[in-house]
C-alpha atoms as a PDB file:
ATOM      1  CA  UNK A   1     -81.506 -13.649 -93.849  1.00  0.00           C
ATOM      2  CA  UNK A   2     -80.277 -17.476 -93.931  1.00  0.00           C
ATOM      3  CA  UNK A   3     -79.624 -20.645 -92.289  1.00  0.00           C
ATOM      4  CA  UNK A   4     -77.059 -20.428 -89.928  1.00  0.00           C
ATOM      5  CA  UNK A   5     -75.020 -23.517 -88.442  1.00  0.00           C
ATOM      6  CA  UNK A   6     -76.998 -26.263 -90.364  1.00  0.00           C
ATOM      7  CA  UNK A   7     -75.038 -29.046 -92.042  1.00  0.00           C
ATOM      8  CA  UNK A   8     -75.794 -30.120 -95.260  1.00  0.00           C
ATOM      9  CA  UNK A   9     -76.978 -33.511 -93.722  1.00  0.00           C
ATOM     10  CA  UNK A  10     -79.102 -31.638 -91.365  1.00  0.00           C
ATOM     11  CA  UNK A  11     -80.902 -29.598 -94.579  1.00  0.00           C
ATOM     12  CA  UNK A  12     -81.351 -32.963 -96.118  1.00  0.00           C
ATOM     13  CA  UNK A  13     -83.099 -34.253 -93.781  1.00  0.00           C
ATOM     14  CA  UNK A  14     -85.285 -31.230 -92.576  1.00  0.00           C
ATOM     15  CA  UNK A  15     -85.985 -31.155 -96.608  1.00  0.00           C
ATOM     16  CA  UNK A  16     -87.265 -35.022 -96.737  1.00  0.00           C
ATOM     17  CA  UNK A  17     -89.714 -34.351 -93.445  1.00  0.00           C
ATOM     18  CA  UNK A  18     -90.860 -30.841 -95.349  1.00  0.00           C
ATOM     19  CA  UNK A  19     -91.968 -32.492 -98.312  1.00  0.00           C
ATOM     20  CA  UNK A  20     -93.204 -35.940 -96.240  1.00  0.00           C
ATOM     21  CA  UNK A  21     -97.024 -37.182 -96.710  1.00  0.00           C
ATOM     22  CA  UNK A  22     -96.500 -38.315 -93.108  1.00  0.00           C
ATOM     23  CA  UNK A  23     -96.174 -34.992 -91.948  1.00  0.00           C
ATOM     24  CA  UNK A  24     -99.215 -34.238 -93.742  1.00  0.00           C
ATOM     25  CA  UNK A  25    -101.017 -36.865 -92.174  1.00  0.00           C
ATOM     26  CA  UNK A  26     -99.937 -36.110 -88.921  1.00  0.00           C
ATOM     27  CA  UNK A  27    -100.949 -32.312 -89.538  1.00  0.00           C
ATOM     28  CA  UNK A  28    -104.477 -33.485 -90.906  1.00  0.00           C
ATOM     29  CA  UNK A  29    -105.008 -35.532 -87.217  1.00  0.00           C
ATOM     30  CA  UNK A  30    -103.633 -32.971 -85.184  1.00  0.00           C
ATOM     31  CA  UNK A  31    -106.272 -30.010 -86.250  1.00  0.00           C
ATOM     32  CA  UNK A  32    -109.034 -32.240 -87.002  1.00  0.00           C
ATOM     33  CA  UNK A  33    -108.402 -33.500 -83.188  1.00  0.00           C
ATOM     34  CA  UNK A  34    -108.182 -30.029 -81.441  1.00  0.00           C
ATOM     35  CA  UNK A  35    -110.852 -28.897 -83.579  1.00  0.00           C
ATOM     36  CA  UNK A  36    -113.219 -31.974 -81.856  1.00  0.00           C
ATOM     37  CA  UNK A  37    -111.737 -31.687 -78.714  1.00  0.00           C
ATOM     38  CA  UNK A  38    -113.112 -27.549 -79.239  1.00  0.00           C
ATOM     39  CA  UNK A  39    -116.419 -28.867 -79.760  1.00  0.00           C
ATOM     40  CA  UNK A  40    -116.982 -27.485 -83.118  1.00  0.00           C
ATOM     41  CA  UNK A  41    -119.347 -30.352 -84.502  1.00  0.00           C
ATOM     42  CA  UNK A  42    -121.880 -28.850 -81.850  1.00  0.00           C
ATOM     43  CA  UNK A  43    -121.665 -25.489 -83.366  1.00  0.00           C
ATOM     44  CA  UNK A  44    -124.998 -25.332 -84.917  1.00  0.00           C
ATOM     45  CA  UNK A  45    -126.862 -22.493 -87.379  1.00  0.00           C
ATOM     46  CA  UNK A  46    -130.884 -21.947 -86.642  1.00  0.00           C
ATOM     47  CA  UNK A  47    -132.710 -20.090 -89.051  1.00  0.00           C
ATOM     48  CA  UNK A  48    -136.267 -19.800 -90.098  1.00  0.00           C
ATOM     49  CA  UNK A  49    -137.425 -20.430 -94.193  1.00  0.00           C
ATOM     50  CA  UNK A  50    -141.285 -20.080 -95.108  1.00  0.00           C
ATOM     51  CA  UNK A  51    -142.192 -20.239 -91.766  1.00  0.00           C
ATOM     52  CA  UNK A  52    -140.292 -23.627 -90.869  1.00  0.00           C
ATOM     53  CA  UNK A  53    -137.250 -23.823 -88.006  1.00  0.00           C
ATOM     54  CA  UNK A  54    -134.146 -25.283 -89.494  1.00  0.00           C
ATOM     55  CA  UNK A  55    -131.136 -26.508 -87.927  1.00  0.00           C
ATOM     56  CA  UNK A  56    -127.900 -26.632 -90.053  1.00  0.00           C
ATOM     57  CA  UNK A  57    -124.743 -28.506 -88.364  1.00  0.00           C
ATOM     58  CA  UNK A  58    -122.025 -25.736 -89.265  1.00  0.00           C
ATOM     59  CA  UNK A  59    -119.880 -27.221 -86.658  1.00  0.00           C
ATOM     60  CA  UNK A  60    -118.766 -30.356 -88.937  1.00  0.00           C
ATOM     61  CA  UNK A  61    -118.534 -27.938 -92.088  1.00  0.00           C
ATOM     62  CA  UNK A  62    -116.121 -25.877 -89.745  1.00  0.00           C
ATOM     63  CA  UNK A  63    -114.349 -29.466 -89.384  1.00  0.00           C
ATOM     64  CA  UNK A  64    -114.111 -29.979 -92.903  1.00  0.00           C
ATOM     65  CA  UNK A  65    -112.976 -26.606 -93.364  1.00  0.00           C
ATOM     66  CA  UNK A  66    -109.613 -26.614 -90.975  1.00  0.00           C
ATOM     67  CA  UNK A  67    -108.806 -29.887 -92.327  1.00  0.00           C
ATOM     68  CA  UNK A  68    -108.737 -28.482 -95.926  1.00  0.00           C
ATOM     69  CA  UNK A  69    -107.018 -25.549 -94.456  1.00  0.00           C
ATOM     70  CA  UNK A  70    -104.383 -27.822 -93.248  1.00  0.00           C
ATOM     71  CA  UNK A  71    -103.786 -29.776 -96.562  1.00  0.00           C
ATOM     72  CA  UNK A  72    -103.671 -26.220 -98.824  1.00  0.00           C
ATOM     73  CA  UNK A  73    -100.916 -25.275 -95.882  1.00  0.00           C
ATOM     74  CA  UNK A  74     -98.934 -28.189 -96.695  1.00  0.00           C
ATOM     75  CA  UNK A  75     -99.286 -28.454-100.078  1.00  0.00           C
ATOM     76  CA  UNK A  76     -97.839 -24.905-100.502  1.00  0.00           C
ATOM     77  CA  UNK A  77     -94.658 -25.737 -98.470  1.00  0.00           C
ATOM     78  CA  UNK A  78     -93.979 -28.426-100.292  1.00  0.00           C
ATOM     79  CA  UNK A  79     -94.718 -25.745-103.717  1.00  0.00           C
ATOM     80  CA  UNK A  80     -97.449 -27.723-104.659  1.00  0.00           C
ATOM     81  CA  UNK A  81     -99.855 -25.266-106.786  1.00  0.00           C
ATOM     82  CA  UNK A  82    -102.866 -27.162-105.972  1.00  0.00           C
ATOM     83  CA  UNK A  83    -102.450 -26.123-102.515  1.00  0.00           C
ATOM     84  CA  UNK A  84    -103.338 -22.258-103.727  1.00  0.00           C
ATOM     85  CA  UNK A  85    -106.402 -23.407-105.675  1.00  0.00           C
ATOM     86  CA  UNK A  86    -107.757 -25.380-102.490  1.00  0.00           C
ATOM     87  CA  UNK A  87    -106.944 -22.625-100.473  1.00  0.00           C
ATOM     88  CA  UNK A  88    -109.039 -20.314-103.064  1.00  0.00           C
ATOM     89  CA  UNK A  89    -111.857 -22.383-102.840  1.00  0.00           C
ATOM     90  CA  UNK A  90    -111.503 -22.943 -99.138  1.00  0.00           C
ATOM     91  CA  UNK A  91    -111.860 -19.152 -98.754  1.00  0.00           C
ATOM     92  CA  UNK A  92    -115.355 -19.255 -99.625  1.00  0.00           C
ATOM     93  CA  UNK A  93    -116.262 -21.727 -97.398  1.00  0.00           C
ATOM     94  CA  UNK A  94    -113.958 -20.120 -94.292  1.00  0.00           C
ATOM     95  CA  UNK A  95    -115.881 -16.765 -95.248  1.00  0.00           C
ATOM     96  CA  UNK A  96    -119.312 -18.338 -95.141  1.00  0.00           C
ATOM     97  CA  UNK A  97    -118.511 -19.932 -91.553  1.00  0.00           C
ATOM     98  CA  UNK A  98    -117.232 -16.716 -90.241  1.00  0.00           C
ATOM     99  CA  UNK A  99    -120.283 -14.513 -91.406  1.00  0.00           C
ATOM    100  CA  UNK A 100    -122.797 -17.215 -89.900  1.00  0.00           C
ATOM    101  CA  UNK A 101    -121.047 -17.397 -86.676  1.00  0.00           C
ATOM    102  CA  UNK A 102    -121.288 -13.586 -86.495  1.00  0.00           C
ATOM    103  CA  UNK A 103    -118.302 -11.883 -87.732  1.00  0.00           C
ATOM    104  CA  UNK A 104    -119.924  -8.920 -89.887  1.00  0.00           C
ATOM    105  CA  UNK A 105    -116.220  -8.048 -91.626  1.00  0.00           C
ATOM    106  CA  UNK A 106    -116.339 -11.744 -93.261  1.00  0.00           C
ATOM    107  CA  UNK A 107    -118.242 -10.036 -95.970  1.00  0.00           C
ATOM    108  CA  UNK A 108    -115.259  -7.533 -96.556  1.00  0.00           C
ATOM    109  CA  UNK A 109    -112.325  -8.693 -95.812  1.00  0.00           C
ATOM    110  CA  UNK A 110    -112.663 -12.204 -96.829  1.00  0.00           C
ATOM    111  CA  UNK A 111    -112.789 -11.437-100.758  1.00  0.00           C
ATOM    112  CA  UNK A 112    -109.622  -9.733-100.125  1.00  0.00           C
ATOM    113  CA  UNK A 113    -107.982 -13.373 -99.053  1.00  0.00           C
ATOM    114  CA  UNK A 114    -109.676 -14.997-101.827  1.00  0.00           C
ATOM    115  CA  UNK A 115    -108.677 -12.481-104.976  1.00  0.00           C
ATOM    116  CA  UNK A 116    -105.267 -12.971-103.144  1.00  0.00           C
ATOM    117  CA  UNK A 117    -105.305 -16.499-103.119  1.00  0.00           C
ATOM    118  CA  UNK A 118    -106.223 -16.996-106.661  1.00  0.00           C
ATOM    119  CA  UNK A 119    -103.410 -14.349-107.565  1.00  0.00           C
ATOM    120  CA  UNK A 120    -100.855 -16.690-105.950  1.00  0.00           C
ATOM    121  CA  UNK A 121    -102.396 -19.654-107.889  1.00  0.00           C
ATOM    122  CA  UNK A 122    -102.242 -17.644-111.350  1.00  0.00           C
ATOM    123  CA  UNK A 123     -98.345 -16.304-110.144  1.00  0.00           C
ATOM    124  CA  UNK A 124     -97.398 -19.962-109.504  1.00  0.00           C
ATOM    125  CA  UNK A 125     -98.287 -21.177-113.112  1.00  0.00           C
ATOM    126  CA  UNK A 126     -96.629 -18.382-114.613  1.00  0.00           C
ATOM    127  CA  UNK A 127     -93.343 -18.615-112.163  1.00  0.00           C
ATOM    128  CA  UNK A 128     -91.972 -20.817-109.434  1.00  0.00           C
ATOM    129  CA  UNK A 129     -88.668 -18.546-108.786  1.00  0.00           C
ATOM    130  CA  UNK A 130     -87.764 -18.502-105.369  1.00  0.00           C
ATOM    131  CA  UNK A 131     -86.927 -14.413-104.748  1.00  0.00           C
ATOM    132  CA  UNK A 132     -84.901 -12.211-102.386  1.00  0.00           C
ATOM    133  CA  UNK A 133     -86.651  -9.441-100.355  1.00  0.00           C
ATOM    134  CA  UNK A 134     -87.067  -5.988-102.277  1.00  0.00           C
ATOM    135  CA  UNK A 135     -89.364  -3.497-102.631  1.00  0.00           C
ATOM    136  CA  UNK A 136     -92.353  -5.260-103.377  1.00  0.00           C
ATOM    137  CA  UNK A 137     -92.157  -7.513-100.286  1.00  0.00           C
ATOM    138  CA  UNK A 138     -92.514  -4.374 -98.378  1.00  0.00           C
ATOM    139  CA  UNK A 139     -95.248  -3.001-100.269  1.00  0.00           C
ATOM    140  CA  UNK A 140     -97.519  -5.933 -99.889  1.00  0.00           C
ATOM    141  CA  UNK A 141     -97.645  -5.924 -96.328  1.00  0.00           C
ATOM    142  CA  UNK A 142     -98.065  -2.062 -96.358  1.00  0.00           C
ATOM    143  CA  UNK A 143    -100.999  -2.835 -98.571  1.00  0.00           C
ATOM    144  CA  UNK A 144    -101.960  -6.020 -96.513  1.00  0.00           C
ATOM    145  CA  UNK A 145    -102.340  -3.528 -93.419  1.00  0.00           C
ATOM    146  CA  UNK A 146    -104.088  -0.745 -95.061  1.00  0.00           C
ATOM    147  CA  UNK A 147    -106.563  -2.986 -96.620  1.00  0.00           C
ATOM    148  CA  UNK A 148    -107.016  -4.893 -93.291  1.00  0.00           C
ATOM    149  CA  UNK A 149    -107.508  -1.290 -91.212  1.00  0.00           C
ATOM    150  CA  UNK A 150    -109.764  -0.137 -93.922  1.00  0.00           C
ATOM    151  CA  UNK A 151    -112.099  -2.944 -94.336  1.00  0.00           C
ATOM    152  CA  UNK A 152    -112.207  -3.707 -90.661  1.00  0.00           C
ATOM    153  CA  UNK A 153    -113.340  -0.181 -90.012  1.00  0.00           C
ATOM    154  CA  UNK A 154    -115.814  -0.011 -92.560  1.00  0.00           C
ATOM    155  CA  UNK A 155    -117.307  -3.296 -90.858  1.00  0.00           C
ATOM    156  CA  UNK A 156    -117.118  -2.163 -87.464  1.00  0.00           C
ATOM    157  CA  UNK A 157    -118.570   0.999 -87.852  1.00  0.00           C
ATOM    158  CA  UNK A 158    -121.350   0.438 -90.465  1.00  0.00           C
ATOM    159  CA  UNK A 159    -122.084  -3.112 -90.617  1.00  0.00           C
ATOM    160  CA  UNK A 160    -122.554  -3.545 -86.877  1.00  0.00           C
ATOM    161  CA  UNK A 161    -125.093  -1.810 -84.602  1.00  0.00           C
ATOM    162  CA  UNK A 162    -122.651  -1.646 -81.614  1.00  0.00           C
ATOM    163  CA  UNK A 163    -120.041   0.796 -80.585  1.00  0.00           C
ATOM    164  CA  UNK A 164    -116.317   0.048 -82.140  1.00  0.00           C
ATOM    165  CA  UNK A 165    -114.577  -1.863 -79.747  1.00  0.00           C
ATOM    166  CA  UNK A 166    -111.208  -0.731 -80.159  1.00  0.00           C
ATOM    167  CA  UNK A 167    -109.247  -4.000 -78.521  1.00  0.00           C
ATOM    168  CA  UNK A 168    -111.536  -5.854 -80.868  1.00  0.00           C
ATOM    169  CA  UNK A 169    -110.599  -3.798 -83.675  1.00  0.00           C
ATOM    170  CA  UNK A 170    -107.165  -4.143 -83.501  1.00  0.00           C
ATOM    171  CA  UNK A 171    -107.288  -7.899 -81.989  1.00  0.00           C
ATOM    172  CA  UNK A 172    -108.923  -8.874 -85.590  1.00  0.00           C
ATOM    173  CA  UNK A 173    -107.359  -6.029 -87.987  1.00  0.00           C
ATOM    174  CA  UNK A 174    -103.187  -6.856 -87.192  1.00  0.00           C
ATOM    175  CA  UNK A 175    -103.628 -10.565 -87.976  1.00  0.00           C
ATOM    176  CA  UNK A 176    -105.559  -9.909 -90.907  1.00  0.00           C
ATOM    177  CA  UNK A 177    -102.630  -7.406 -91.879  1.00  0.00           C
ATOM    178  CA  UNK A 178    -100.261  -9.707 -91.295  1.00  0.00           C
ATOM    179  CA  UNK A 179    -102.426 -12.663 -93.163  1.00  0.00           C
ATOM    180  CA  UNK A 180    -102.997 -10.418 -96.463  1.00  0.00           C
ATOM    181  CA  UNK A 181     -99.428  -9.067 -96.557  1.00  0.00           C
ATOM    182  CA  UNK A 182     -98.300 -12.606 -96.345  1.00  0.00           C
ATOM    183  CA  UNK A 183    -100.923 -14.045 -99.076  1.00  0.00           C
ATOM    184  CA  UNK A 184     -99.890 -11.430-101.148  1.00  0.00           C
ATOM    185  CA  UNK A 185     -95.889 -12.360-100.640  1.00  0.00           C
ATOM    186  CA  UNK A 186     -96.665 -15.705-101.767  1.00  0.00           C
ATOM    187  CA  UNK A 187     -97.404 -15.059-105.340  1.00  0.00           C
ATOM    188  CA  UNK A 188     -93.436 -14.053-105.418  1.00  0.00           C
ATOM    189  CA  UNK A 189     -92.386 -17.335-103.491  1.00  0.00           C
ATOM    190  CA  UNK A 190     -90.069 -14.979-100.882  1.00  0.00           C
ATOM    191  CA  UNK A 191     -88.461 -17.686 -98.183  1.00  0.00           C
ATOM    192  CA  UNK A 192     -88.184 -14.718 -96.017  1.00  0.00           C
ATOM    193  CA  UNK A 193     -92.437 -14.460 -95.938  1.00  0.00           C
ATOM    194  CA  UNK A 194     -92.246 -17.639 -94.087  1.00  0.00           C
ATOM    195  CA  UNK A 195     -91.266 -15.308 -90.988  1.00  0.00           C
ATOM    196  CA  UNK A 196     -94.579 -13.327 -91.469  1.00  0.00           C
ATOM    197  CA  UNK A 197     -96.500 -16.706 -91.101  1.00  0.00           C
ATOM    198  CA  UNK A 198     -94.549 -17.691 -88.003  1.00  0.00           C
ATOM    199  CA  UNK A 199     -95.318 -14.072 -86.225  1.00  0.00           C
ATOM    200  CA  UNK A 200     -98.964 -14.512 -87.072  1.00  0.00           C
ATOM    201  CA  UNK A 201     -98.725 -18.197 -85.645  1.00  0.00           C
ATOM    202  CA  UNK A 202     -96.779 -16.863 -82.795  1.00  0.00           C
ATOM    203  CA  UNK A 203     -99.273 -14.768 -81.677  1.00  0.00           C
ATOM    204  CA  UNK A 204    -102.162 -16.882 -82.209  1.00  0.00           C
ATOM    205  CA  UNK A 205     -99.942 -19.389 -80.251  1.00  0.00           C
ATOM    206  CA  UNK A 206     -99.200 -16.897 -77.227  1.00  0.00           C
ATOM    207  CA  UNK A 207    -103.461 -15.569 -77.114  1.00  0.00           C
ATOM    208  CA  UNK A 208    -104.311 -19.325 -77.015  1.00  0.00           C
ATOM    209  CA  UNK A 209    -101.686 -20.412 -74.068  1.00  0.00           C
ATOM    210  CA  UNK A 210    -103.396 -17.096 -72.159  1.00  0.00           C
ATOM    211  CA  UNK A 211    -106.656 -18.859 -72.768  1.00  0.00           C
ATOM    212  CA  UNK A 212    -105.579 -22.075 -71.927  1.00  0.00           C
ATOM    213  CA  UNK A 213    -106.817 -23.388 -75.156  1.00  0.00           C
ATOM    214  CA  UNK A 214    -104.949 -26.849 -75.294  1.00  0.00           C
ATOM    215  CA  UNK A 215    -106.061 -28.021 -78.257  1.00  0.00           C
ATOM    216  CA  UNK A 216    -105.809 -24.647 -80.430  1.00  0.00           C
ATOM    217  CA  UNK A 217    -102.391 -24.417 -78.934  1.00  0.00           C
ATOM    218  CA  UNK A 218    -101.284 -27.920 -80.020  1.00  0.00           C
ATOM    219  CA  UNK A 219    -102.606 -26.521 -84.040  1.00  0.00           C
ATOM    220  CA  UNK A 220    -100.542 -23.454 -83.875  1.00  0.00           C
ATOM    221  CA  UNK A 221     -97.425 -25.283 -82.304  1.00  0.00           C
ATOM    222  CA  UNK A 222     -97.716 -27.515 -85.474  1.00  0.00           C
ATOM    223  CA  UNK A 223     -97.920 -24.122 -88.255  1.00  0.00           C
ATOM    224  CA  UNK A 224     -95.128 -22.969 -86.062  1.00  0.00           C
ATOM    225  CA  UNK A 225     -92.945 -26.321 -86.680  1.00  0.00           C
ATOM    226  CA  UNK A 226     -94.238 -26.392 -90.629  1.00  0.00           C
ATOM    227  CA  UNK A 227     -93.200 -22.562 -91.210  1.00  0.00           C
ATOM    228  CA  UNK A 228     -89.590 -23.365 -89.538  1.00  0.00           C
ATOM    229  CA  UNK A 229     -89.016 -26.329 -91.919  1.00  0.00           C
ATOM    230  CA  UNK A 230     -90.700 -24.711 -94.775  1.00  0.00           C
ATOM    231  CA  UNK A 231     -88.484 -21.541 -94.429  1.00  0.00           C
ATOM    232  CA  UNK A 232     -85.467 -23.827 -94.575  1.00  0.00           C
ATOM    233  CA  UNK A 233     -86.243 -25.830 -97.399  1.00  0.00           C
ATOM    234  CA  UNK A 234     -87.078 -22.843 -99.531  1.00  0.00           C
ATOM    235  CA  UNK A 235     -83.929 -20.861 -98.592  1.00  0.00           C
ATOM    236  CA  UNK A 236     -82.293 -24.307 -99.750  1.00  0.00           C
ATOM    237  CA  UNK A 237     -83.634 -24.406-102.904  1.00  0.00           C
ATOM    238  CA  UNK A 238     -83.211 -20.676-103.837  1.00  0.00           C
ATOM    239  CA  UNK A 239     -79.832 -21.324-102.541  1.00  0.00           C
ATOM    240  CA  UNK A 240     -79.200 -24.040-104.825  1.00  0.00           C
ATOM    241  CA  UNK A 241     -80.944 -22.400-107.724  1.00  0.00           C
ATOM    242  CA  UNK A 242     -78.551 -19.203-108.026  1.00  0.00           C
ATOM    243  CA  UNK A 243     -75.439 -21.714-107.960  1.00  0.00           C
END
């Protein structure tokens, strides 16, 4: 795929926005505001230890996790490998939160994301060559969906006491498959991989619009915008490298 009908001046402006620190701050404000509006700070995890009851304020950790996720995303958009390191570390936090909130499948799916992010970090340390779509691109997408479907089936079938809710299964497994595949492909720095992240953002955006969840809608509108400028920036950088 290629950029259509964009002047040199427009592309230059878009690239300056992509690499702007101001956009990092705007994104951080949006996701933290959305988290507070959704009441994440009120989420508690209650547990008993040695006969005493305790309350862990999981919501505040969730807000920190959301903020770190945004920072990591923006750094990756700017081709800064520290973003992949941050995403790797933050995956452990995200998985722990999801598991504590009742997602039993997190114990199986998040290790895949953790390993994927770590491999991306290692790959970027060796090479930052922007690539065109090839066989490996499609192979990674297939692997992503296979991992997601198998691991989520195991989680729903054997780690849960309830019968499989197939609507919920596919609602979780399909976005996870997109995420796995897109994460694997980030290692090879395909500009077109932004379309996979964009597809994920659109599905989440539609979901939140239907649920009238304005706070999350605002968050995914930002991710939608970031993926667009990310693609334009990476695609132009790839073309310049080939000249």
